């Protein structure tokens, strides 16, 4: 019921906000954007003039700000195209007042307020439905490959061996699971893939884990305790090396693209621990057990040593190391699975085909869930609901007299639970507007690396096993996300606040 209510609320709120903007902001195109809009549509040109300097408003450079505006269709006015918008340091400055008196139709905005008027093109309902199906089709090949190899590993006994290795830890964290159950091995493969940033591998492993857990679930429509614990840990997004974030910072010419690595690592680790603690409290699992403490302590030590090593590398060396480690590990897993299956005299190709068929069926099964969730999220974006929330937060913290630098990085955090690509776009926008080494730019990067896309995870993983009652999983995931957000903000002030 929780998912149903949240989904309904998304749609209702989006339509109400769009209706308000249509009437009071005279935005005649908003309903068209919501239904038939496309992210690759050209922007209508808006000609503007600037007076004063944007640097006093926390913007890194005038040149960068002009480029940022250009991305939204804003073009400097010239003799052939008079300005319809004036951007000034303050709306009541002498120069702004004189120019508006000369041209009463000129709309005046500050360097801050103009940003609330900029609406990034996004896919409407029709295009989002196509995207949801394309995502699922794109998953078919990957799912078939990895589930085929998982089937070989199961027949050869590799998954059960992995389950025995991690059994002492998982048996305490997942007390409802039988000893050495294959689901433990599937979950471990998923967590390992996530840790290395292997999204393509993590999803098939995770879906296989959900299917294994569903076999033990007495109520097939309702999420079990084990499924909730697994998904909350998965959604916390523990990743060792945020390669895509480092690459984006390097592309935007940040002097030190890897300087956000340690804060990212700490933030995502804290979010994961928070998820584990929150679920354990609901399920009355005792965390202060020697085995759990030893495993968590050991993992923490390995992560700390890896952080110390990676900090000593350059941005290019970090990306090379990550590529070798992650891709090399995938090939090593394939080699071990095939080698073990040949040793056990398994019919390797038949086992692969059997598992691959399951991958195809799973990818098709999640299409309705993806369509429903992505359409609701699209409506929130195209209606401007996100912008309303962000601007309200800026006003609130400014009224309190608090340092509002962190608010400029919050769009990434607010969109991340809903849309991974949307959050990535917000992160890049923040770095383009304020600079990659600005407080907001760095914070948006840390927030991007602190968690996974909660509602996408809910739609795909519960949809794959047809679970409709998610119980308290959404609330728990969002609370873990909140812990990650607060931790990210504190870490950004700690590392870059000066």
Protein backbone atom coordinates (compact mmCIF):
# COMPACT_ATOMS: atom_id res chain seq x y z
CA UNK A 1 0.00 0.00 0.00
CA UNK A 2 2.86 2.41 0.72
CA UNK A 3 4.13 2.24 -2.86
CA UNK A 4 0.60 2.70 -4.20
CA UNK A 5 0.03 5.83 -2.12
CA UNK A 6 3.40 7.35 -3.00
CA UNK A 7 2.87 6.66 -6.69
CA UNK A 8 -0.60 8.22 -6.58
CA UNK A 9 0.74 11.24 -4.67
CA UNK A 10 3.45 11.80 -7.30
CA UNK A 11 0.87 12.01 -10.09
CA UNK A 12 -1.65 14.14 -8.19
CA UNK A 13 0.95 16.63 -6.96
CA UNK A 14 2.54 16.92 -10.41
CA UNK A 15 -0.79 17.72 -12.09
CA UNK A 16 -1.78 20.24 -9.39
CA UNK A 17 1.58 22.04 -9.62
CA UNK A 18 1.32 22.13 -13.42
CA UNK A 19 -2.19 23.56 -13.18
CA UNK A 20 -1.01 26.27 -10.78
CA UNK A 21 1.87 27.23 -13.09
CA UNK A 22 -0.42 27.25 -16.10
CA UNK A 23 -2.82 29.70 -14.43
CA UNK A 24 -0.58 31.94 -12.31
CA UNK A 25 2.69 31.78 -14.28
CA UNK A 26 0.84 31.83 -17.61
CA UNK A 27 2.86 28.82 -18.77
CA UNK A 28 0.68 27.72 -21.67
CA UNK A 29 3.04 24.93 -22.78
CA UNK A 30 3.42 23.08 -19.49
CA UNK A 31 0.76 20.44 -20.18
CA UNK A 32 2.25 19.76 -23.61
CA UNK A 33 5.70 19.34 -22.05
CA UNK A 34 4.30 16.89 -19.50
CA UNK A 35 2.64 14.68 -22.11
CA UNK A 36 4.63 14.98 -25.35
CA UNK A 37 7.84 16.77 -24.27
CA UNK A 38 11.23 15.43 -25.27
CA UNK A 39 14.60 15.92 -23.63
CA UNK A 40 16.25 16.62 -26.99
CA UNK A 41 13.81 19.35 -28.04
CA UNK A 42 15.32 22.71 -28.98
CA UNK A 43 14.77 25.55 -26.50
CA UNK A 44 12.86 28.70 -27.45
CA UNK A 45 15.36 31.55 -27.67
CA UNK A 46 15.19 34.13 -24.87
CA UNK A 47 17.27 37.29 -25.41
CA UNK A 48 18.72 38.93 -22.34
CA UNK A 49 21.03 41.63 -21.04
CA UNK A 50 23.24 41.51 -17.95
CA UNK A 51 24.20 44.30 -15.62
CA UNK A 52 26.58 44.03 -12.70
CA UNK A 53 28.74 40.97 -12.07
CA UNK A 54 27.52 37.42 -11.29
CA UNK A 55 30.63 36.71 -9.19
CA UNK A 56 29.06 38.47 -6.21
CA UNK A 57 26.20 35.94 -6.25
CA UNK A 58 28.45 32.93 -5.71
CA UNK A 59 28.89 32.19 -9.42
CA UNK A 60 32.45 31.32 -10.44
CA UNK A 61 32.74 33.36 -13.65
CA UNK A 62 30.70 35.46 -16.06
CA UNK A 63 31.85 33.31 -18.99
CA UNK A 64 30.72 30.13 -17.26
CA UNK A 65 27.36 31.66 -16.37
CA UNK A 66 26.78 32.76 -19.98
CA UNK A 67 27.50 29.19 -21.15
CA UNK A 68 25.15 27.86 -18.49
CA UNK A 69 22.32 30.15 -19.65
CA UNK A 70 23.02 29.15 -23.24
CA UNK A 71 22.20 25.57 -22.35
CA UNK A 72 18.62 26.72 -21.63
CA UNK A 73 18.17 28.76 -24.82
CA UNK A 74 19.16 32.14 -23.35
CA UNK A 75 21.01 34.27 -25.91
CA UNK A 76 22.70 37.68 -25.36
CA UNK A 77 20.65 40.45 -26.97
CA UNK A 78 21.97 42.35 -29.96
CA UNK A 79 20.74 45.08 -32.33
CA UNK A 80 18.55 42.63 -34.23
CA UNK A 81 17.15 40.93 -31.14
CA UNK A 82 16.17 43.27 -28.27
CA UNK A 83 16.29 41.91 -24.74
CA UNK A 84 13.14 40.65 -23.06
CA UNK A 85 14.98 39.73 -19.84
CA UNK A 86 17.42 41.70 -17.71
CA UNK A 87 19.68 39.89 -15.23
CA UNK A 88 21.12 42.06 -12.46
CA UNK A 89 22.82 41.71 -9.09
CA UNK A 90 19.64 43.08 -7.44
CA UNK A 91 16.24 43.83 -8.95
CA UNK A 92 16.30 47.35 -7.49
CA UNK A 93 19.78 48.40 -8.59
CA UNK A 94 20.05 51.80 -10.28
CA UNK A 95 21.01 50.33 -13.65
CA UNK A 96 18.17 47.80 -13.54
CA UNK A 97 15.66 50.51 -12.63
CA UNK A 98 16.80 52.79 -15.48
CA UNK A 99 16.69 50.03 -18.05
CA UNK A 100 13.23 48.91 -16.93
CA UNK A 101 11.94 52.49 -17.10
CA UNK A 102 13.19 52.69 -20.68
CA UNK A 103 11.53 49.36 -21.50
CA UNK A 104 8.56 48.55 -19.18
CA UNK A 105 8.12 45.12 -20.82
CA UNK A 106 11.59 44.08 -19.67
CA UNK A 107 11.45 41.40 -17.00
CA UNK A 108 14.12 41.74 -14.31
CA UNK A 109 15.71 38.82 -12.45
CA UNK A 110 18.72 38.51 -10.19
CA UNK A 111 21.55 36.09 -10.92
CA UNK A 112 20.03 33.81 -8.30
CA UNK A 113 16.33 34.13 -9.16
CA UNK A 114 16.86 33.52 -12.89
CA UNK A 115 18.01 29.99 -12.03
CA UNK A 116 14.57 29.13 -10.65
CA UNK A 117 13.12 30.03 -14.07
CA UNK A 118 15.39 27.69 -15.99
CA UNK A 119 13.62 24.44 -16.83
CA UNK A 120 15.69 21.58 -18.19
CA UNK A 121 14.01 19.77 -21.05
CA UNK A 122 12.85 16.33 -19.98
CA UNK A 123 10.92 13.49 -21.60
CA UNK A 124 7.17 13.67 -21.15
CA UNK A 125 4.81 10.77 -20.55
CA UNK A 126 4.92 9.36 -24.11
CA UNK A 127 8.72 9.40 -24.42
CA UNK A 128 9.14 8.07 -20.88
CA UNK A 129 6.98 5.03 -21.72
CA UNK A 130 9.27 4.34 -24.67
CA UNK A 131 12.34 4.82 -22.47
CA UNK A 132 11.02 2.35 -19.88
CA UNK A 133 10.60 -0.32 -22.55
CA UNK A 134 14.02 0.48 -24.04
CA UNK A 135 15.61 0.09 -20.60
CA UNK A 136 14.03 -3.33 -20.25
CA UNK A 137 15.07 -4.36 -23.76
CA UNK A 138 18.59 -3.18 -23.00
CA UNK A 139 18.58 -5.37 -19.92
CA UNK A 140 17.60 -8.54 -21.82
CA UNK A 141 21.05 -9.32 -23.21
CA UNK A 142 22.88 -8.46 -19.98
CA UNK A 143 20.37 -10.39 -17.88
CA UNK A 144 20.58 -13.41 -20.16
CA UNK A 145 24.40 -13.42 -20.04
CA UNK A 146 24.85 -13.11 -16.28
CA UNK A 147 21.91 -15.33 -15.32
CA UNK A 148 23.25 -17.94 -17.72
CA UNK A 149 26.60 -17.91 -15.92
CA UNK A 150 24.78 -17.94 -12.56
CA UNK A 151 22.97 -21.10 -13.66
CA UNK A 152 26.31 -22.76 -14.49
CA UNK A 153 27.72 -21.70 -11.09
CA UNK A 154 24.71 -23.13 -9.28
CA UNK A 155 24.94 -26.51 -11.01
CA UNK A 156 28.68 -26.64 -10.31
CA UNK A 157 28.13 -25.82 -6.63
CA UNK A 158 29.94 -22.47 -6.75
CA UNK A 159 27.05 -20.44 -5.34
CA UNK A 160 26.63 -22.87 -2.46
CA UNK A 161 30.37 -22.66 -1.72
CA UNK A 162 30.16 -18.86 -1.62
CA UNK A 163 27.13 -19.17 0.67
CA UNK A 164 29.15 -21.29 3.10
CA UNK A 165 31.95 -18.72 3.20
CA UNK A 166 29.68 -15.81 4.07
CA UNK A 167 27.15 -17.93 5.95
CA UNK A 168 28.33 -17.00 9.49
CA UNK A 169 27.75 -13.28 8.75
CA UNK A 170 24.59 -13.51 6.65
CA UNK A 171 22.92 -16.05 8.94
CA UNK A 172 22.88 -13.36 11.65
CA UNK A 173 21.90 -10.51 9.36
CA UNK A 174 19.27 -12.67 7.60
CA UNK A 175 18.08 -14.99 10.39
CA UNK A 176 15.13 -16.31 8.33
CA UNK A 177 17.43 -17.82 5.69
CA UNK A 178 18.33 -21.54 5.99
CA UNK A 179 22.00 -22.27 6.49
CA UNK A 180 24.09 -22.12 3.28
CA UNK A 181 21.07 -21.14 1.16
CA UNK A 182 22.02 -20.13 -2.43
CA UNK A 183 20.42 -16.70 -1.89
CA UNK A 184 23.43 -15.81 0.28
CA UNK A 185 25.78 -16.37 -2.65
CA UNK A 186 23.54 -14.38 -4.99
CA UNK A 187 23.41 -11.46 -2.57
CA UNK A 188 27.17 -11.54 -2.08
CA UNK A 189 27.68 -11.40 -5.86
CA UNK A 190 25.33 -8.40 -6.03
CA UNK A 191 27.05 -6.52 -3.20
CA UNK A 192 30.47 -7.23 -4.72
CA UNK A 193 29.37 -5.93 -8.14
CA UNK A 194 27.88 -2.81 -6.55
CA UNK A 195 31.04 -2.24 -4.55
CA UNK A 196 33.07 -2.14 -7.76
CA UNK A 197 30.56 0.00 -9.65
CA UNK A 198 29.55 -2.84 -11.99
CA UNK A 199 25.91 -1.82 -12.51
CA UNK A 200 25.45 -4.16 -15.48
CA UNK A 201 26.44 -7.14 -13.37
CA UNK A 202 24.85 -5.99 -10.10
CA UNK A 203 21.30 -5.94 -11.49
CA UNK A 204 21.19 -9.56 -12.75
CA UNK A 205 22.85 -10.81 -9.53
CA UNK A 206 20.39 -8.77 -7.45
CA UNK A 207 17.34 -10.00 -9.35
CA UNK A 208 18.54 -13.57 -8.96
CA UNK A 209 18.92 -12.94 -5.22
CA UNK A 210 15.34 -11.58 -5.05
CA UNK A 211 14.02 -14.65 -6.86
CA UNK A 212 15.89 -16.95 -4.47
CA UNK A 213 14.49 -15.05 -1.49
CA UNK A 214 11.00 -15.16 -3.00
CA UNK A 215 11.13 -18.96 -3.02
CA UNK A 216 11.32 -18.82 0.78
CA UNK A 217 8.68 -16.10 1.11
CA UNK A 218 5.44 -17.56 2.55
CA UNK A 219 3.36 -14.57 1.39
CA UNK A 220 4.27 -14.00 -2.26
CA UNK A 221 2.55 -10.59 -2.48
CA UNK A 222 4.30 -9.15 0.59
CA UNK A 223 7.99 -8.39 1.00
CA UNK A 224 9.76 -10.71 3.44
CA UNK A 225 12.17 -9.52 6.12
CA UNK A 226 15.12 -10.90 4.16
CA UNK A 227 14.04 -9.14 0.95
CA UNK A 228 13.69 -5.83 2.79
CA UNK A 229 17.12 -6.14 4.41
CA UNK A 230 18.72 -7.05 1.08
CA UNK A 231 17.09 -4.22 -0.90
CA UNK A 232 17.78 -1.57 1.75
CA UNK A 233 21.47 -2.52 1.79
CA UNK A 234 21.51 -2.59 -2.01
CA UNK A 235 19.78 0.82 -2.35
CA UNK A 236 22.29 2.46 -0.01
CA UNK A 237 24.66 2.18 -2.98
CA UNK A 238 27.97 1.25 -1.33
CA UNK A 239 30.58 1.84 -4.07
CA UNK A 240 34.33 1.94 -3.68
CA UNK A 241 35.37 4.10 -6.63
CA UNK A 242 32.97 6.74 -8.06
CA UNK A 243 34.58 6.55 -11.50
CA UNK A 244 31.75 8.29 -13.42
CA UNK A 245 31.80 11.23 -10.99
CA UNK A 246 35.59 11.57 -11.22
CA UNK A 247 35.34 11.41 -15.03
CA UNK A 248 32.67 14.15 -15.08
CA UNK A 249 34.84 16.40 -12.89
CA UNK A 250 37.83 15.77 -15.14
CA UNK A 251 35.76 16.60 -18.24
CA UNK A 252 34.79 19.93 -16.64
CA UNK A 253 38.49 20.64 -16.00
CA UNK A 254 38.51 20.40 -12.21
CA UNK A 255 42.15 20.86 -11.06
CA UNK A 256 41.88 17.82 -8.79
CA UNK A 257 39.00 15.59 -10.01
CA UNK A 258 39.60 12.96 -7.30
CA UNK A 259 39.34 15.29 -4.31
CA UNK A 260 35.74 14.16 -3.68
CA UNK A 261 36.73 10.47 -3.54
CA UNK A 262 37.21 10.17 0.23
CA UNK A 263 34.02 12.12 1.16
CA UNK A 264 32.05 10.00 -1.35
CA UNK A 265 33.43 6.79 0.12
CA UNK A 266 32.63 7.85 3.69
CA UNK A 267 29.12 9.10 2.80
CA UNK A 268 28.07 5.92 1.00
CA UNK A 269 29.54 3.73 3.76
CA UNK A 270 27.64 5.68 6.46
CA UNK A 271 24.41 5.37 4.41
CA UNK A 272 24.91 1.61 4.15
CA UNK A 273 25.50 1.24 7.89
CA UNK A 274 22.44 3.41 8.53
CA UNK A 275 20.32 1.13 6.31
CA UNK A 276 21.57 -1.95 8.16
CA UNK A 277 20.86 -0.39 11.57
CA UNK A 278 17.38 0.87 10.62
CA UNK A 279 16.25 -2.49 9.23
CA UNK A 280 17.82 -4.34 12.18
CA UNK A 281 15.85 -2.21 14.62
CA UNK A 282 12.58 -3.01 12.81
CA UNK A 283 13.39 -6.72 12.58
CA UNK A 284 14.88 -6.89 16.11
CA UNK A 285 18.25 -8.18 14.90
CA UNK A 286 21.10 -7.83 17.39
CA UNK A 287 23.99 -6.12 15.62
CA UNK A 288 26.43 -6.26 18.54
CA UNK A 289 27.38 -9.85 17.87
CA UNK A 290 31.05 -10.81 17.50
CA UNK A 291 30.59 -12.21 13.99
CA UNK A 292 28.76 -9.12 12.66
CA UNK A 293 31.22 -6.75 14.32
CA UNK A 294 34.17 -8.72 12.94
CA UNK A 295 32.81 -8.69 9.37
CA UNK A 296 31.85 -4.99 9.45
CA UNK A 297 35.22 -4.14 11.03
CA UNK A 298 37.10 -6.21 8.45
CA UNK A 299 35.25 -4.62 5.53
CA UNK A 300 35.87 -1.17 7.03
CA UNK A 301 39.58 -1.91 7.32
CA UNK A 302 39.82 -3.12 3.70
CA UNK A 303 37.97 -0.02 2.50
CA UNK A 304 40.23 2.24 4.56
CA UNK A 305 43.38 0.64 3.13
CA UNK A 306 42.03 0.94 -0.40
CA UNK A 307 41.15 4.61 0.20
CA UNK A 308 44.69 5.29 1.44
CA UNK A 309 46.12 3.68 -1.69
CA UNK A 310 43.75 5.38 -4.15
CA UNK A 311 44.27 8.82 -2.64
CA UNK A 312 47.91 8.56 -3.65
CA UNK A 313 46.97 8.05 -7.32
CA UNK A 314 46.19 10.65 -9.96
CA UNK A 315 42.73 10.89 -11.57
CA UNK A 316 43.93 8.99 -14.64
CA UNK A 317 45.56 6.28 -12.50
CA UNK A 318 42.37 5.88 -10.44
CA UNK A 319 40.32 5.30 -13.58
CA UNK A 320 42.87 2.79 -14.94
CA UNK A 321 42.98 0.94 -11.61
CA UNK A 322 39.18 0.85 -11.42
CA UNK A 323 38.86 -0.44 -14.98
CA UNK A 324 41.43 -3.19 -14.47
CA UNK A 325 39.98 -4.22 -11.11
CA UNK A 326 36.31 -4.28 -12.11
CA UNK A 327 36.55 -5.67 -15.62
CA UNK A 328 39.32 -8.08 -14.64
CA UNK A 329 37.15 -9.39 -11.82
CA UNK A 330 34.25 -10.06 -14.22
CA UNK A 331 36.50 -12.10 -16.50
CA UNK A 332 38.00 -13.93 -13.51
CA UNK A 333 34.51 -14.89 -12.31
CA UNK A 334 33.65 -16.25 -15.77
CA UNK A 335 36.90 -18.23 -15.81
CA UNK A 336 36.32 -19.72 -12.34
CA UNK A 337 32.71 -20.64 -13.16
CA UNK A 338 33.61 -22.39 -16.42
CA UNK A 339 36.64 -24.06 -14.86
CA UNK A 340 34.62 -25.35 -11.90
CA UNK A 341 31.81 -26.58 -14.16
CA UNK A 342 34.23 -28.49 -16.40
CA UNK A 343 35.84 -30.03 -13.32
CA UNK A 344 32.40 -31.16 -12.11
CA UNK A 345 31.60 -32.43 -15.63
CA UNK A 346 28.56 -30.17 -16.01
CA UNK A 347 26.92 -29.69 -19.42
CA UNK A 348 28.05 -26.07 -19.50
CA UNK A 349 26.18 -24.73 -22.51
CA UNK A 350 22.84 -26.35 -21.57
CA UNK A 351 23.13 -24.84 -18.09
CA UNK A 352 23.89 -21.44 -19.60
CA UNK A 353 20.87 -21.57 -21.95
CA UNK A 354 18.54 -22.55 -19.12
CA UNK A 355 19.64 -19.62 -17.01
CA UNK A 356 19.62 -17.19 -19.94
CA UNK A 357 15.95 -17.97 -20.61
CA UNK A 358 15.16 -16.82 -17.08
CA UNK A 359 17.01 -13.57 -17.72
CA UNK A 360 14.82 -12.84 -20.73
CA UNK A 361 11.60 -13.56 -18.82
CA UNK A 362 12.66 -11.37 -15.90
CA UNK A 363 13.55 -8.40 -18.13
CA UNK A 364 10.12 -8.55 -19.79
CA UNK A 365 8.29 -8.96 -16.47
CA UNK A 366 9.58 -5.68 -15.03
CA UNK A 367 8.30 -3.53 -17.95
CA UNK A 368 4.92 -2.58 -16.35
CA UNK A 369 6.61 -1.64 -13.06
CA UNK A 370 9.21 0.48 -14.82
CA UNK A 371 6.61 2.24 -16.97
CA UNK A 372 4.46 3.12 -13.95
CA UNK A 373 7.30 4.43 -11.79
CA UNK A 374 9.21 6.30 -14.50
CA UNK A 375 6.06 8.04 -15.78
CA UNK A 376 5.22 9.31 -12.29
CA UNK A 377 8.79 10.59 -11.84
CA UNK A 378 8.71 12.21 -15.28
CA UNK A 379 5.54 14.10 -14.34
CA UNK A 380 7.22 15.45 -11.22
CA UNK A 381 10.15 16.71 -13.28
CA UNK A 382 8.24 18.22 -16.20
CA UNK A 383 5.65 19.89 -13.94
CA UNK A 384 8.36 21.83 -12.10
CA UNK A 385 7.57 20.25 -8.73
CA UNK A 386 11.28 19.72 -8.02
CA UNK A 387 11.97 23.40 -8.69
CA UNK A 388 9.22 24.47 -6.30
CA UNK A 389 10.67 22.32 -3.50
CA UNK A 390 14.24 23.50 -4.09
CA UNK A 391 13.31 27.19 -4.18
CA UNK A 392 11.22 26.80 -1.02
CA UNK A 393 14.21 25.24 0.75
CA UNK A 394 16.48 28.07 -0.35
CA UNK A 395 14.02 30.64 0.99
CA UNK A 396 13.58 28.75 4.27
CA UNK A 397 17.28 28.43 5.08
CA UNK A 398 17.99 32.00 3.99
CA UNK A 399 15.25 33.22 6.37
CA UNK A 400 16.91 31.30 9.20
CA UNK A 401 20.17 33.10 8.49
CA UNK A 402 21.94 29.78 7.91
CA UNK A 403 24.76 29.23 5.45
CA UNK A 404 22.82 28.47 2.25
CA UNK A 405 25.74 27.30 0.12
CA UNK A 406 24.66 23.69 0.54
CA UNK A 407 21.18 24.37 -0.89
CA UNK A 408 22.63 24.87 -4.38
CA UNK A 409 23.82 21.26 -4.31
CA UNK A 410 20.55 19.78 -3.01
CA UNK A 411 18.81 19.29 -6.40
CA UNK A 412 21.08 16.29 -6.97
CA UNK A 413 20.05 14.78 -3.62
CA UNK A 414 16.33 15.37 -4.15
CA UNK A 415 16.28 13.79 -7.61
CA UNK A 416 18.67 10.88 -6.87
CA UNK A 417 16.02 8.62 -5.21
CA UNK A 418 13.79 9.15 -8.26
CA UNK A 419 16.09 9.28 -11.27
CA UNK A 420 19.75 8.36 -11.63
CA UNK A 421 20.16 10.13 -14.98
CA UNK A 422 18.28 13.18 -13.68
CA UNK A 423 20.56 13.40 -10.65
CA UNK A 424 23.62 13.05 -12.88
CA UNK A 425 22.32 15.93 -15.01
CA UNK A 426 21.76 18.05 -11.90
CA UNK A 427 25.30 17.29 -10.70
CA UNK A 428 26.79 18.43 -14.01
CA UNK A 429 24.54 21.52 -14.05
CA UNK A 430 25.74 22.49 -10.57
CA UNK A 431 29.38 22.15 -11.61
CA UNK A 432 28.78 24.15 -14.80
CA UNK A 433 26.96 26.93 -12.94
CA UNK A 434 29.08 27.32 -9.83
CA UNK A 435 32.29 25.65 -11.01
CA UNK A 436 33.55 22.08 -10.39
CA UNK A 437 35.61 23.22 -7.39
CA UNK A 438 32.87 25.36 -5.85
CA UNK A 439 31.18 24.23 -2.65
CA UNK A 440 27.92 23.45 -4.51
CA UNK A 441 29.78 21.64 -7.30
CA UNK A 442 31.68 19.39 -4.91
CA UNK A 443 28.63 18.78 -2.73
CA UNK A 444 26.55 17.68 -5.72
CA UNK A 445 29.28 15.14 -6.57
CA UNK A 446 29.36 13.73 -3.04
CA UNK A 447 25.56 13.52 -2.97
CA UNK A 448 25.56 11.73 -6.33
CA UNK A 449 27.90 9.08 -4.92
CA UNK A 450 26.20 8.66 -1.54
CA UNK A 451 23.24 6.43 -2.51
CA UNK A 452 21.42 4.57 -5.26
CA UNK A 453 18.13 5.34 -7.08
CA UNK A 454 15.59 4.19 -4.48
CA UNK A 455 12.37 4.18 -6.49
CA UNK A 456 14.00 2.60 -9.54
CA UNK A 457 15.31 -0.17 -7.27
CA UNK A 458 11.84 -0.64 -5.77
CA UNK A 459 10.18 -0.85 -9.19
CA UNK A 460 12.70 -3.24 -10.74
CA UNK A 461 13.45 -5.61 -7.87
CA UNK A 462 10.00 -5.96 -6.32
CA UNK A 463 8.47 -5.95 -9.80
CA UNK A 464 10.66 -8.87 -10.85
CA UNK A 465 9.08 -11.07 -8.16
CA UNK A 466 5.59 -9.46 -8.29
CA UNK A 467 5.66 -8.15 -4.72
CA UNK A 468 3.01 -5.45 -4.28
CA UNK A 469 3.16 -4.87 -0.50
CA UNK A 470 6.61 -3.41 0.19
CA UNK A 471 5.86 -2.85 3.91
CA UNK A 472 8.33 -0.40 5.49
CA UNK A 473 11.07 -0.76 2.85
CA UNK A 474 10.48 2.59 1.10
CA UNK A 475 10.48 4.57 4.34
CA UNK A 476 13.65 2.82 5.48
CA UNK A 477 15.44 3.43 2.18
CA UNK A 478 14.49 7.11 2.22
CA UNK A 479 15.69 7.45 5.82
CA UNK A 480 19.02 5.89 4.82
CA UNK A 481 19.12 8.35 1.89
CA UNK A 482 18.53 11.19 4.36
CA UNK A 483 21.42 9.98 6.50
CA UNK A 484 23.57 9.95 3.37
CA UNK A 485 22.49 13.50 2.47
CA UNK A 486 23.18 14.91 5.94
CA UNK A 487 26.53 13.09 6.08
CA UNK A 488 27.46 14.41 2.63
CA UNK A 489 26.71 18.00 3.66
CA UNK A 490 28.72 17.68 6.87
CA UNK A 491 31.64 16.08 5.02
CA UNK A 492 31.60 18.81 2.38
CA UNK A 493 31.82 21.49 5.07
CA UNK A 494 34.55 19.46 6.78
CA UNK A 495 36.69 18.97 3.66
CA UNK A 496 35.83 22.05 1.59
CA UNK A 497 33.93 24.44 3.87
CA UNK A 498 36.83 26.84 4.23
